[in-house]
């Protein structure tokens, strides 16, 4: 079965795993999802991730992080979706102290609050 939005599927799997207090969640792997998991690990939201399997059957295993029995990730959402694209200028992005923002560009660049790196 094909997915129309694999990133939203990844985020939903992480949210659902946190709701039932799972330590690990398995997701179908891709380079984009691995890059997102890398940003999440470097920002401290997950403990680790690993790509397992071969060729078309690769899975991404995320080891979720908890603090005092509560998930480190309090809210996880995707703003821009395939059905509703949201374009925001850099001057209009406002974050609270505890919020993080990860921005993906068409060229494969990811930008997080503290870092920049290229996916491809």
PDB file of N, CA and C in Angstrom:
ATOM      1  N   UNK A   1       0.838  -1.180   0.000  1.00  0.00           N
ATOM      2  CA  UNK A   1       0.000   0.000   0.000  1.00  0.00           C
ATOM      3  C   UNK A   1       0.884   1.245   0.000  1.00  0.00           C
ATOM      4  N   UNK A   2       0.584   2.171  -0.867  1.00  0.00           N
ATOM      5  CA  UNK A   2       1.392   3.383  -0.942  1.00  0.00           C
ATOM      6  C   UNK A   2       0.861   4.433   0.036  1.00  0.00           C
ATOM      7  N   UNK A   3       1.778   5.225   0.526  1.00  0.00           N
ATOM      8  CA  UNK A   3       1.409   6.285   1.454  1.00  0.00           C
ATOM      9  C   UNK A   3       1.485   7.615   0.728  1.00  0.00           C
ATOM     10  N   UNK A   4       0.519   8.484   0.982  1.00  0.00           N
ATOM     11  CA  UNK A   4       0.563   9.795   0.356  1.00  0.00           C
ATOM     12  C   UNK A   4       1.436  10.761   1.146  1.00  0.00           C
ATOM     13  N   UNK A   5       1.633  10.492   2.436  1.00  0.00           N
ATOM     14  CA  UNK A   5       2.440  11.380   3.270  1.00  0.00           C
ATOM     15  C   UNK A   5       3.276  10.558   4.263  1.00  0.00           C
ATOM     16  N   UNK A   6       4.447  10.071   3.846  1.00  0.00           N
ATOM     17  CA  UNK A   6       5.254   9.219   4.723  1.00  0.00           C
ATOM     18  C   UNK A   6       5.798   9.936   5.957  1.00  0.00           C
ATOM     19  N   UNK A   7       6.008  11.253   5.886  1.00  0.00           N
ATOM     20  CA  UNK A   7       6.508  11.999   7.047  1.00  0.00           C
ATOM     21  C   UNK A   7       5.428  12.078   8.123  1.00  0.00           C
ATOM     22  N   UNK A   8       4.193  12.326   7.725  1.00  0.00           N
ATOM     23  CA  UNK A   8       3.086  12.350   8.692  1.00  0.00           C
ATOM     24  C   UNK A   8       2.900  10.970   9.311  1.00  0.00           C
ATOM     25  N   UNK A   9       3.099   9.916   8.521  1.00  0.00           N
ATOM     26  CA  UNK A   9       3.026   8.552   9.047  1.00  0.00           C
ATOM     27  C   UNK A   9       4.105   8.328  10.105  1.00  0.00           C
ATOM     28  N   UNK A  10       5.322   8.820   9.856  1.00  0.00           N
ATOM     29  CA  UNK A  10       6.412   8.685  10.820  1.00  0.00           C
ATOM     30  C   UNK A  10       6.063   9.395  12.127  1.00  0.00           C
ATOM     31  N   UNK A  11       5.583  10.613  12.029  1.00  0.00           N
ATOM     32  CA  UNK A  11       5.236  11.384  13.222  1.00  0.00           C
ATOM     33  C   UNK A  11       4.090  10.730  13.994  1.00  0.00           C
ATOM     34  N   UNK A  12       3.112  10.184  13.283  1.00  0.00           N
ATOM     35  CA  UNK A  12       1.993   9.502  13.930  1.00  0.00           C
ATOM     36  C   UNK A  12       2.456   8.250  14.653  1.00  0.00           C
ATOM     37  N   UNK A  13       3.366   7.502  14.054  1.00  0.00           N
ATOM     38  CA  UNK A  13       3.899   6.304  14.716  1.00  0.00           C
ATOM     39  C   UNK A  13       4.654   6.666  15.992  1.00  0.00           C
ATOM     40  N   UNK A  14       5.391   7.770  15.965  1.00  0.00           N
ATOM     41  CA  UNK A  14       6.110   8.215  17.167  1.00  0.00           C
ATOM     42  C   UNK A  14       5.120   8.642  18.243  1.00  0.00           C
ATOM     43  N   UNK A  15       4.091   9.422  17.877  1.00  0.00           N
ATOM     44  CA  UNK A  15       3.061   9.848  18.844  1.00  0.00           C
ATOM     45  C   UNK A  15       2.353   8.646  19.454  1.00  0.00           C
ATOM     46  N   UNK A  16       1.974   7.684  18.623  1.00  0.00           N
ATOM     47  CA  UNK A  16       1.269   6.499  19.119  1.00  0.00           C
ATOM     48  C   UNK A  16       2.159   5.660  20.040  1.00  0.00           C
ATOM     49  N   UNK A  17       3.440   5.541  19.723  1.00  0.00           N
ATOM     50  CA  UNK A  17       4.354   4.788  20.581  1.00  0.00           C
ATOM     51  C   UNK A  17       4.514   5.467  21.934  1.00  0.00           C
ATOM     52  N   UNK A  18       4.535   6.793  21.948  1.00  0.00           N
ATOM     53  CA  UNK A  18       4.618   7.527  23.217  1.00  0.00           C
ATOM     54  C   UNK A  18       3.354   7.341  24.051  1.00  0.00           C
ATOM     55  N   UNK A  19       2.200   7.266  23.393  1.00  0.00           N
ATOM     56  CA  UNK A  19       0.933   7.103  24.124  1.00  0.00           C
ATOM     57  C   UNK A  19       0.875   5.786  24.887  1.00  0.00           C
ATOM     58  N   UNK A  20       1.504   4.741  24.357  1.00  0.00           N
ATOM     59  CA  UNK A  20       1.502   3.440  25.039  1.00  0.00           C
ATOM     60  C   UNK A  20       2.835   3.153  25.715  1.00  0.00           C
ATOM     61  N   UNK A  21       3.677   4.172  25.836  1.00  0.00           N
ATOM     62  CA  UNK A  21       4.964   4.113  26.554  1.00  0.00           C
ATOM     63  C   UNK A  21       5.904   3.034  26.014  1.00  0.00           C
ATOM     64  N   UNK A  22       5.980   2.916  24.692  1.00  0.00           N
ATOM     65  CA  UNK A  22       6.931   1.980  24.089  1.00  0.00           C
ATOM     66  C   UNK A  22       8.325   2.581  24.114  1.00  0.00           C
ATOM     67  N   UNK A  23       9.309   1.731  24.219  1.00  0.00           N
ATOM     68  CA  UNK A  23      10.709   2.170  24.232  1.00  0.00           C
ATOM     69  C   UNK A  23      11.266   2.337  22.827  1.00  0.00           C
ATOM     70  N   UNK A  24      10.682   1.606  21.857  1.00  0.00           N
ATOM     71  CA  UNK A  24      11.204   1.608  20.500  1.00  0.00           C
ATOM     72  C   UNK A  24      10.054   1.556  19.512  1.00  0.00           C
ATOM     73  N   UNK A  25      10.235   2.196  18.368  1.00  0.00           N
ATOM     74  CA  UNK A  25       9.237   2.162  17.303  1.00  0.00           C
ATOM     75  C   UNK A  25       9.960   1.889  15.984  1.00  0.00           C
ATOM     76  N   UNK A  26       9.355   1.047  15.147  1.00  0.00           N
ATOM     77  CA  UNK A  26       9.903   0.704  13.837  1.00  0.00           C
ATOM     78  C   UNK A  26       9.078   1.382  12.750  1.00  0.00           C
ATOM     79  N   UNK A  27       9.792   1.975  11.792  1.00  0.00           N
ATOM     80  CA  UNK A  27       9.172   2.747  10.724  1.00  0.00           C
ATOM     81  C   UNK A  27       9.825   2.325   9.414  1.00  0.00           C
ATOM     82  N   UNK A  28       9.076   2.253   8.304  1.00  0.00           N
ATOM     83  CA  UNK A  28       9.723   2.017   7.010  1.00  0.00           C
ATOM     84  C   UNK A  28      10.749   3.118   6.733  1.00  0.00           C
ATOM     85  N   UNK A  29      11.941   2.733   6.320  1.00  0.00           N
ATOM     86  CA  UNK A  29      13.060   3.682   6.213  1.00  0.00           C
ATOM     87  C   UNK A  29      13.109   4.380   4.863  1.00  0.00           C
ATOM     88  N   UNK A  30      13.645   5.592   4.895  1.00  0.00           N
ATOM     89  CA  UNK A  30      14.014   6.347   3.704  1.00  0.00           C
ATOM     90  C   UNK A  30      15.119   7.320   4.118  1.00  0.00           C
ATOM     91  N   UNK A  31      15.778   7.913   3.147  1.00  0.00           N
ATOM     92  CA  UNK A  31      16.846   8.867   3.479  1.00  0.00           C
ATOM     93  C   UNK A  31      16.272  10.096   4.180  1.00  0.00           C
ATOM     94  N   UNK A  32      15.105  10.531   3.765  1.00  0.00           N
ATOM     95  CA  UNK A  32      14.477  11.697   4.378  1.00  0.00           C
ATOM     96  C   UNK A  32      14.131  11.427   5.838  1.00  0.00           C
ATOM     97  N   UNK A  33      13.552  10.266   6.119  1.00  0.00           N
ATOM     98  CA  UNK A  33      13.201   9.908   7.500  1.00  0.00           C
ATOM     99  C   UNK A  33      14.452   9.734   8.353  1.00  0.00           C
ATOM    100  N   UNK A  34      15.516   9.190   7.776  1.00  0.00           N
ATOM    101  CA  UNK A  34      16.775   9.058   8.513  1.00  0.00           C
ATOM    102  C   UNK A  34      17.350  10.420   8.863  1.00  0.00           C
ATOM    103  N   UNK A  35      17.228  11.375   7.958  1.00  0.00           N
ATOM    104  CA  UNK A  35      17.719  12.727   8.225  1.00  0.00           C
ATOM    105  C   UNK A  35      16.895  13.396   9.319  1.00  0.00           C
ATOM    106  N   UNK A  36      15.590  13.190   9.308  1.00  0.00           N
ATOM    107  CA  UNK A  36      14.734  13.737  10.360  1.00  0.00           C
ATOM    108  C   UNK A  36      15.079  13.101  11.699  1.00  0.00           C
ATOM    109  N   UNK A  37      15.297  11.788  11.702  1.00  0.00           N
ATOM    110  CA  UNK A  37      15.675  11.091  12.937  1.00  0.00           C
ATOM    111  C   UNK A  37      17.029  11.582  13.442  1.00  0.00           C
ATOM    112  N   UNK A  38      17.939  11.898  12.536  1.00  0.00           N
ATOM    113  CA  UNK A  38      19.242  12.419  12.928  1.00  0.00           C
ATOM    114  C   UNK A  38      19.109  13.771  13.621  1.00  0.00           C
ATOM    115  N   UNK A  39      18.264  14.640  13.085  1.00  0.00           N
ATOM    116  CA  UNK A  39      18.023  15.940  13.715  1.00  0.00           C
ATOM    117  C   UNK A  39      17.380  15.738  15.083  1.00  0.00           C
ATOM    118  N   UNK A  40      16.420  14.819  15.178  1.00  0.00           N
ATOM    119  CA  UNK A  40      15.756  14.556  16.462  1.00  0.00           C
ATOM    120  C   UNK A  40      16.743  14.024  17.494  1.00  0.00           C
ATOM    121  N   UNK A  41      17.684  13.187  17.068  1.00  0.00           N
ATOM    122  CA  UNK A  41      18.674  12.651  17.993  1.00  0.00           C
ATOM    123  C   UNK A  41      19.643  13.750  18.438  1.00  0.00           C
ATOM    124  N   UNK A  42      20.112  14.558  17.514  1.00  0.00           N
ATOM    125  CA  UNK A  42      21.059  15.615  17.859  1.00  0.00           C
ATOM    126  C   UNK A  42      20.422  16.691  18.738  1.00  0.00           C
ATOM    127  N   UNK A  43      19.124  16.892  18.605  1.00  0.00           N
ATOM    128  CA  UNK A  43      18.418  17.860  19.447  1.00  0.00           C
ATOM    129  C   UNK A  43      18.016  17.258  20.791  1.00  0.00           C
ATOM    130  N   UNK A  44      18.165  15.932  20.954  1.00  0.00           N
ATOM    131  CA  UNK A  44      17.893  15.291  22.235  1.00  0.00           C
ATOM    132  C   UNK A  44      16.484  14.773  22.422  1.00  0.00           C
ATOM    133  N   UNK A  45      15.733  14.583  21.341  1.00  0.00           N
ATOM    134  CA  UNK A  45      14.353  14.109  21.454  1.00  0.00           C
ATOM    135  C   UNK A  45      14.228  12.592  21.392  1.00  0.00           C
ATOM    136  N   UNK A  46      15.203  11.918  20.795  1.00  0.00           N
ATOM    137  CA  UNK A  46      15.232  10.461  20.807  1.00  0.00           C
ATOM    138  C   UNK A  46      16.628  10.038  21.253  1.00  0.00           C
ATOM    139  N   UNK A  47      16.718   8.817  21.814  1.00  0.00           N
ATOM    140  CA  UNK A  47      18.025   8.336  22.270  1.00  0.00           C
ATOM    141  C   UNK A  47      18.920   7.954  21.108  1.00  0.00           C
ATOM    142  N   UNK A  48      18.381   7.146  20.190  1.00  0.00           N
ATOM    143  CA  UNK A  48      19.177   6.710  19.047  1.00  0.00           C
ATOM    144  C   UNK A  48      18.252   6.210  17.949  1.00  0.00           C
ATOM    145  N   UNK A  49      18.829   6.004  16.777  1.00  0.00           N
ATOM    146  CA  UNK A  49      18.096   5.400  15.670  1.00  0.00           C
ATOM    147  C   UNK A  49      19.042   4.515  14.892  1.00  0.00           C
ATOM    148  N   UNK A  50      18.480   3.532  14.199  1.00  0.00           N
ATOM    149  CA  UNK A  50      19.280   2.592  13.435  1.00  0.00           C
ATOM    150  C   UNK A  50      18.487   2.142  12.226  1.00  0.00           C
ATOM    151  N   UNK A  51      19.141   2.022  11.087  1.00  0.00           N
ATOM    152  CA  UNK A  51      18.510   1.512   9.866  1.00  0.00           C
ATOM    153  C   UNK A  51      18.856   0.039   9.756  1.00  0.00           C
ATOM    154  N   UNK A  52      17.831  -0.800   9.696  1.00  0.00           N
ATOM    155  CA  UNK A  52      18.014  -2.246   9.635  1.00  0.00           C
ATOM    156  C   UNK A  52      17.405  -2.797   8.363  1.00  0.00           C
ATOM    157  N   UNK A  53      17.901  -3.934   7.927  1.00  0.00           N
ATOM    158  CA  UNK A  53      17.351  -4.605   6.755  1.00  0.00           C
ATOM    159  C   UNK A  53      18.147  -4.307   5.502  1.00  0.00           C
ATOM    160  N   UNK A  54      17.655  -4.831   4.395  1.00  0.00           N
ATOM    161  CA  UNK A  54      18.336  -4.684   3.118  1.00  0.00           C
ATOM    162  C   UNK A  54      17.396  -4.129   2.063  1.00  0.00           C
ATOM    163  N   UNK A  55      17.948  -3.348   1.176  1.00  0.00           N
ATOM    164  CA  UNK A  55      17.287  -2.790  -0.010  1.00  0.00           C
ATOM    165  C   UNK A  55      15.881  -2.274   0.280  1.00  0.00           C
ATOM    166  N   UNK A  56      14.869  -2.892  -0.299  1.00  0.00           N
ATOM    167  CA  UNK A  56      13.501  -2.378  -0.199  1.00  0.00           C
ATOM    168  C   UNK A  56      12.859  -2.643   1.158  1.00  0.00           C
ATOM    169  N   UNK A  57      13.424  -3.533   1.937  1.00  0.00           N
ATOM    170  CA  UNK A  57      12.813  -3.898   3.220  1.00  0.00           C
ATOM    171  C   UNK A  57      13.489  -3.218   4.413  1.00  0.00           C
ATOM    172  N   UNK A  58      14.071  -2.046   4.207  1.00  0.00           N
ATOM    173  CA  UNK A  58      14.745  -1.356   5.303  1.00  0.00           C
ATOM    174  C   UNK A  58      13.737  -0.773   6.281  1.00  0.00           C
ATOM    175  N   UNK A  59      14.076  -0.873   7.559  1.00  0.00           N
ATOM    176  CA  UNK A  59      13.251  -0.251   8.585  1.00  0.00           C
ATOM    177  C   UNK A  59      14.122   0.662   9.435  1.00  0.00           C
ATOM    178  N   UNK A  60      13.515   1.707   9.924  1.00  0.00           N
ATOM    179  CA  UNK A  60      14.176   2.670  10.790  1.00  0.00           C
ATOM    180  C   UNK A  60      13.684   2.411  12.208  1.00  0.00           C
ATOM    181  N   UNK A  61      14.595   2.045  13.095  1.00  0.00           N
ATOM    182  CA  UNK A  61      14.234   1.774  14.487  1.00  0.00           C
ATOM    183  C   UNK A  61      14.630   2.971  15.335  1.00  0.00           C
ATOM    184  N   UNK A  62      13.641   3.598  15.948  1.00  0.00           N
ATOM    185  CA  UNK A  62      13.887   4.745  16.813  1.00  0.00           C
ATOM    186  C   UNK A  62      13.764   4.316  18.264  1.00  0.00           C
ATOM    187  N   UNK A  63      14.770   4.627  19.062  1.00  0.00           N
ATOM    188  CA  UNK A  63      14.707   4.368  20.491  1.00  0.00           C
ATOM    189  C   UNK A  63      14.234   5.660  21.152  1.00  0.00           C
ATOM    190  N   UNK A  64      13.035   5.625  21.702  1.00  0.00           N
ATOM    191  CA  UNK A  64      12.404   6.826  22.242  1.00  0.00           C
ATOM    192  C   UNK A  64      12.989   7.205  23.593  1.00  0.00           C
ATOM    193  N   UNK A  65      12.895   8.478  23.919  1.00  0.00           N
ATOM    194  CA  UNK A  65      13.495   9.011  25.138  1.00  0.00           C
ATOM    195  C   UNK A  65      12.399   9.443  26.114  1.00  0.00           C
ATOM    196  N   UNK A  66      12.600   9.094  27.388  1.00  0.00           N
ATOM    197  CA  UNK A  66      11.662   9.459  28.451  1.00  0.00           C
ATOM    198  C   UNK A  66      12.434  10.128  29.589  1.00  0.00           C
ATOM    199  N   UNK A  67      11.761  11.013  30.316  1.00  0.00           N
ATOM    200  CA  UNK A  67      12.348  11.660  31.475  1.00  0.00           C
ATOM    201  C   UNK A  67      11.343  11.567  32.619  1.00  0.00           C
ATOM    202  N   UNK A  68      11.714  10.909  33.696  1.00  0.00           N
ATOM    203  CA  UNK A  68      10.825  10.652  34.839  1.00  0.00           C
ATOM    204  C   UNK A  68       9.526   9.975  34.409  1.00  0.00           C
ATOM    205  N   UNK A  69       9.634   9.056  33.464  1.00  0.00           N
ATOM    206  CA  UNK A  69       8.474   8.298  33.009  1.00  0.00           C
ATOM    207  C   UNK A  69       7.597   9.015  32.000  1.00  0.00           C
ATOM    208  N   UNK A  70       7.905  10.263  31.685  1.00  0.00           N
ATOM    209  CA  UNK A  70       7.130  11.034  30.710  1.00  0.00           C
ATOM    210  C   UNK A  70       7.924  11.189  29.421  1.00  0.00           C
ATOM    211  N   UNK A  71       7.245  11.180  28.269  1.00  0.00           N
ATOM    212  CA  UNK A  71       7.959  11.337  27.003  1.00  0.00           C
ATOM    213  C   UNK A  71       8.627  12.710  26.916  1.00  0.00           C
ATOM    214  N   UNK A  72       9.800  12.752  26.333  1.00  0.00           N
ATOM    215  CA  UNK A  72      10.504  14.012  26.137  1.00  0.00           C
ATOM    216  C   UNK A  72       9.764  14.865  25.106  1.00  0.00           C
ATOM    217  N   UNK A  73       9.152  14.239  24.134  1.00  0.00           N
ATOM    218  CA  UNK A  73       8.393  14.951  23.104  1.00  0.00           C
ATOM    219  C   UNK A  73       6.979  15.184  23.629  1.00  0.00           C
ATOM    220  N   UNK A  74       6.647  16.442  23.866  1.00  0.00           N
ATOM    221  CA  UNK A  74       5.314  16.776  24.380  1.00  0.00           C
ATOM    222  C   UNK A  74       4.323  16.992  23.242  1.00  0.00           C
ATOM    223  N   UNK A  75       4.765  17.593  22.158  1.00  0.00           N
ATOM    224  CA  UNK A  75       3.887  17.875  21.036  1.00  0.00           C
ATOM    225  C   UNK A  75       4.683  17.697  19.753  1.00  0.00           C
ATOM    226  N   UNK A  76       4.117  16.987  18.808  1.00  0.00           N
ATOM    227  CA  UNK A  76       4.789  16.698  17.548  1.00  0.00           C
ATOM    228  C   UNK A  76       3.770  16.878  16.442  1.00  0.00           C
ATOM    229  N   UNK A  77       4.007  17.830  15.555  1.00  0.00           N
ATOM    230  CA  UNK A  77       3.046  18.043  14.490  1.00  0.00           C
ATOM    231  C   UNK A  77       3.737  18.495  13.214  1.00  0.00           C
ATOM    232  N   UNK A  78       3.068  18.225  12.119  1.00  0.00           N
ATOM    233  CA  UNK A  78       3.549  18.650  10.809  1.00  0.00           C
ATOM    234  C   UNK A  78       2.697  19.827  10.370  1.00  0.00           C
ATOM    235  N   UNK A  79       3.333  20.917  10.043  1.00  0.00           N
ATOM    236  CA  UNK A  79       2.603  22.131   9.679  1.00  0.00           C
ATOM    237  C   UNK A  79       2.216  22.109   8.205  1.00  0.00           C
ATOM    238  N   UNK A  80       3.189  21.965   7.333  1.00  0.00           N
ATOM    239  CA  UNK A  80       2.932  21.965   5.901  1.00  0.00           C
ATOM    240  C   UNK A  80       2.706  20.534   5.432  1.00  0.00           C
ATOM    241  N   UNK A  81       1.555  20.297   4.814  1.00  0.00           N
ATOM    242  CA  UNK A  81       1.172  18.957   4.369  1.00  0.00           C
ATOM    243  C   UNK A  81       1.042  18.951   2.847  1.00  0.00           C
ATOM    244  N   UNK A  82       1.020  17.779   2.232  1.00  0.00           N
ATOM    245  CA  UNK A  82       0.814  17.748   0.782  1.00  0.00           C
ATOM    246  C   UNK A  82      -0.533  18.360   0.358  1.00  0.00           C
ATOM    247  N   UNK A  83      -1.546  18.244   1.204  1.00  0.00           N
ATOM    248  CA  UNK A  83      -2.853  18.790   0.852  1.00  0.00           C
ATOM    249  C   UNK A  83      -2.986  20.270   1.191  1.00  0.00           C
ATOM    250  N   UNK A  84      -2.101  20.790   2.035  1.00  0.00           N
ATOM    251  CA  UNK A  84      -2.157  22.194   2.432  1.00  0.00           C
ATOM    252  C   UNK A  84      -0.740  22.691   2.699  1.00  0.00           C
ATOM    253  N   UNK A  85      -0.126  23.275   1.699  1.00  0.00           N
ATOM    254  CA  UNK A  85       1.230  23.779   1.853  1.00  0.00           C
ATOM    255  C   UNK A  85       1.196  25.109   2.602  1.00  0.00           C
ATOM    256  N   UNK A  86       2.143  25.267   3.520  1.00  0.00           N
ATOM    257  CA  UNK A  86       2.256  26.489   4.290  1.00  0.00           C
ATOM    258  C   UNK A  86       3.634  27.068   4.007  1.00  0.00           C
ATOM    259  N   UNK A  87       3.652  28.282   3.488  1.00  0.00           N
ATOM    260  CA  UNK A  87       4.899  28.975   3.195  1.00  0.00           C
ATOM    261  C   UNK A  87       5.030  30.126   4.174  1.00  0.00           C
ATOM    262  N   UNK A  88       6.155  30.197   4.871  1.00  0.00           N
ATOM    263  CA  UNK A  88       6.347  31.188   5.913  1.00  0.00           C
ATOM    264  C   UNK A  88       7.678  31.890   5.684  1.00  0.00           C
ATOM    265  N   UNK A  89       7.661  33.186   5.821  1.00  0.00           N
ATOM    266  CA  UNK A  89       8.897  33.954   5.731  1.00  0.00           C
ATOM    267  C   UNK A  89       9.693  33.824   7.021  1.00  0.00           C
ATOM    268  N   UNK A  90      10.982  34.047   6.939  1.00  0.00           N
ATOM    269  CA  UNK A  90      11.837  33.871   8.114  1.00  0.00           C
ATOM    270  C   UNK A  90      11.524  34.876   9.212  1.00  0.00           C
ATOM    271  N   UNK A  91      10.994  36.022   8.869  1.00  0.00           N
ATOM    272  CA  UNK A  91      10.706  37.045   9.868  1.00  0.00           C
ATOM    273  C   UNK A  91       9.436  36.754  10.664  1.00  0.00           C
ATOM    274  N   UNK A  92       8.563  35.880  10.155  1.00  0.00           N
ATOM    275  CA  UNK A  92       7.299  35.629  10.831  1.00  0.00           C
ATOM    276  C   UNK A  92       7.304  34.380  11.714  1.00  0.00           C
ATOM    277  N   UNK A  93       8.456  33.725  11.864  1.00  0.00           N
ATOM    278  CA  UNK A  93       8.552  32.538  12.708  1.00  0.00           C
ATOM    279  C   UNK A  93       8.858  32.983  14.133  1.00  0.00           C
ATOM    280  N   UNK A  94       7.954  32.661  15.051  1.00  0.00           N
ATOM    281  CA  UNK A  94       8.131  33.020  16.456  1.00  0.00           C
ATOM    282  C   UNK A  94       8.059  31.745  17.278  1.00  0.00           C
ATOM    283  N   UNK A  95       9.043  31.508  18.134  1.00  0.00           N
ATOM    284  CA  UNK A  95       9.092  30.306  18.954  1.00  0.00           C
ATOM    285  C   UNK A  95       9.158  30.682  20.423  1.00  0.00           C
ATOM    286  N   UNK A  96       8.547  29.864  21.259  1.00  0.00           N
ATOM    287  CA  UNK A  96       8.720  30.000  22.694  1.00  0.00           C
ATOM    288  C   UNK A  96      10.053  29.390  23.088  1.00  0.00           C
ATOM    289  N   UNK A  97      10.421  29.495  24.356  1.00  0.00           N
ATOM    290  CA  UNK A  97      11.707  28.994  24.829  1.00  0.00           C
ATOM    291  C   UNK A  97      11.839  27.488  24.640  1.00  0.00           C
ATOM    292  N   UNK A  98      10.774  26.728  24.852  1.00  0.00           N
ATOM    293  CA  UNK A  98      10.849  25.268  24.813  1.00  0.00           C
ATOM    294  C   UNK A  98      10.545  24.688  23.442  1.00  0.00           C
ATOM    295  N   UNK A  99      10.200  25.486  22.473  1.00  0.00           N
ATOM    296  CA  UNK A  99       9.835  24.966  21.164  1.00  0.00           C
ATOM    297  C   UNK A  99      11.057  24.827  20.266  1.00  0.00           C
ATOM    298  N   UNK A 100      10.995  23.864  19.385  1.00  0.00           N
ATOM    299  CA  UNK A 100      12.023  23.670  18.371  1.00  0.00           C
ATOM    300  C   UNK A 100      11.335  23.690  17.011  1.00  0.00           C
ATOM    301  N   UNK A 101      12.073  24.070  16.020  1.00  0.00           N
ATOM    302  CA  UNK A 101      11.558  24.121  14.666  1.00  0.00           C
ATOM    303  C   UNK A 101      12.556  23.438  13.755  1.00  0.00           C
ATOM    304  N   UNK A 102      12.082  22.498  12.965  1.00  0.00           N
ATOM    305  CA  UNK A 102      12.920  21.866  11.960  1.00  0.00           C
ATOM    306  C   UNK A 102      12.314  22.190  10.602  1.00  0.00           C
ATOM    307  N   UNK A 103      13.120  22.733   9.724  1.00  0.00           N
ATOM    308  CA  UNK A 103      12.656  23.169   8.419  1.00  0.00           C
ATOM    309  C   UNK A 103      13.357  22.331   7.360  1.00  0.00           C
ATOM    310  N   UNK A 104      12.586  21.817   6.413  1.00  0.00           N
ATOM    311  CA  UNK A 104      13.156  21.054   5.299  1.00  0.00           C
ATOM    312  C   UNK A 104      12.990  21.854   4.021  1.00  0.00           C
ATOM    313  N   UNK A 105      14.002  21.801   3.168  1.00  0.00           N
ATOM    314  CA  UNK A 105      13.962  22.493   1.895  1.00  0.00           C
ATOM    315  C   UNK A 105      13.933  21.471   0.771  1.00  0.00           C
ATOM    316  N   UNK A 106      13.495  21.888  -0.398  1.00  0.00           N
ATOM    317  CA  UNK A 106      13.406  20.981  -1.535  1.00  0.00           C
ATOM    318  C   UNK A 106      14.768  20.424  -1.931  1.00  0.00           C
ATOM    319  N   UNK A 107      15.844  21.149  -1.669  1.00  0.00           N
ATOM    320  CA  UNK A 107      17.170  20.686  -2.070  1.00  0.00           C
ATOM    321  C   UNK A 107      17.707  19.606  -1.139  1.00  0.00           C
ATOM    322  N   UNK A 108      16.974  19.278  -0.073  1.00  0.00           N
ATOM    323  CA  UNK A 108      17.432  18.248   0.844  1.00  0.00           C
ATOM    324  C   UNK A 108      18.135  18.817   2.063  1.00  0.00           C
ATOM    325  N   UNK A 109      18.182  20.132   2.193  1.00  0.00           N
ATOM    326  CA  UNK A 109      18.810  20.749   3.362  1.00  0.00           C
ATOM    327  C   UNK A 109      17.833  20.720   4.535  1.00  0.00           C
ATOM    328  N   UNK A 110      18.367  20.459   5.708  1.00  0.00           N
ATOM    329  CA  UNK A 110      17.575  20.541   6.928  1.00  0.00           C
ATOM    330  C   UNK A 110      18.171  21.615   7.808  1.00  0.00           C
ATOM    331  N   UNK A 111      17.312  22.362   8.426  1.00  0.00           N
ATOM    332  CA  UNK A 111      17.775  23.394   9.346  1.00  0.00           C
ATOM    333  C   UNK A 111      17.049  23.189  10.659  1.00  0.00           C
ATOM    334  N   UNK A 112      17.800  23.068  11.707  1.00  0.00           N
ATOM    335  CA  UNK A 112      17.235  23.011  13.040  1.00  0.00           C
ATOM    336  C   UNK A 112      17.723  24.247  13.773  1.00  0.00           C
ATOM    337  N   UNK A 113      17.210  24.480  14.947  1.00  0.00           N
ATOM    338  CA  UNK A 113      17.544  25.696  15.675  1.00  0.00           C
ATOM    339  C   UNK A 113      19.052  25.887  15.814  1.00  0.00           C
ATOM    340  N   UNK A 114      19.781  24.820  16.070  1.00  0.00           N
ATOM    341  CA  UNK A 114      21.201  24.946  16.356  1.00  0.00           C
ATOM    342  C   UNK A 114      22.123  24.491  15.238  1.00  0.00           C
ATOM    343  N   UNK A 115      21.599  23.919  14.163  1.00  0.00           N
ATOM    344  CA  UNK A 115      22.512  23.309  13.214  1.00  0.00           C
ATOM    345  C   UNK A 115      21.984  23.329  11.794  1.00  0.00           C
ATOM    346  N   UNK A 116      22.895  23.161  10.853  1.00  0.00           N
ATOM    347  CA  UNK A 116      22.540  23.024   9.445  1.00  0.00           C
ATOM    348  C   UNK A 116      23.351  21.855   8.885  1.00  0.00           C
ATOM    349  N   UNK A 117      22.725  21.057   8.044  1.00  0.00           N
ATOM    350  CA  UNK A 117      23.479  20.032   7.327  1.00  0.00           C
ATOM    351  C   UNK A 117      22.717  19.629   6.085  1.00  0.00           C
ATOM    352  N   UNK A 118      23.405  19.005   5.153  1.00  0.00           N
ATOM    353  CA  UNK A 118      22.791  18.596   3.901  1.00  0.00           C
ATOM    354  C   UNK A 118      22.425  17.118   3.948  1.00  0.00           C
ATOM    355  N   UNK A 119      21.266  16.806   3.376  1.00  0.00           N
ATOM    356  CA  UNK A 119      20.800  15.418   3.322  1.00  0.00           C
ATOM    357  C   UNK A 119      21.451  14.680   2.165  1.00  0.00           C
ATOM    358  N   UNK A 120      21.518  15.272   0.992  1.00  0.00           N
ATOM    359  CA  UNK A 120      22.039  14.597  -0.204  1.00  0.00           C
ATOM    360  C   UNK A 120      23.390  15.127  -0.583  1.00  0.00           C
TER     361      UNK A 120
END
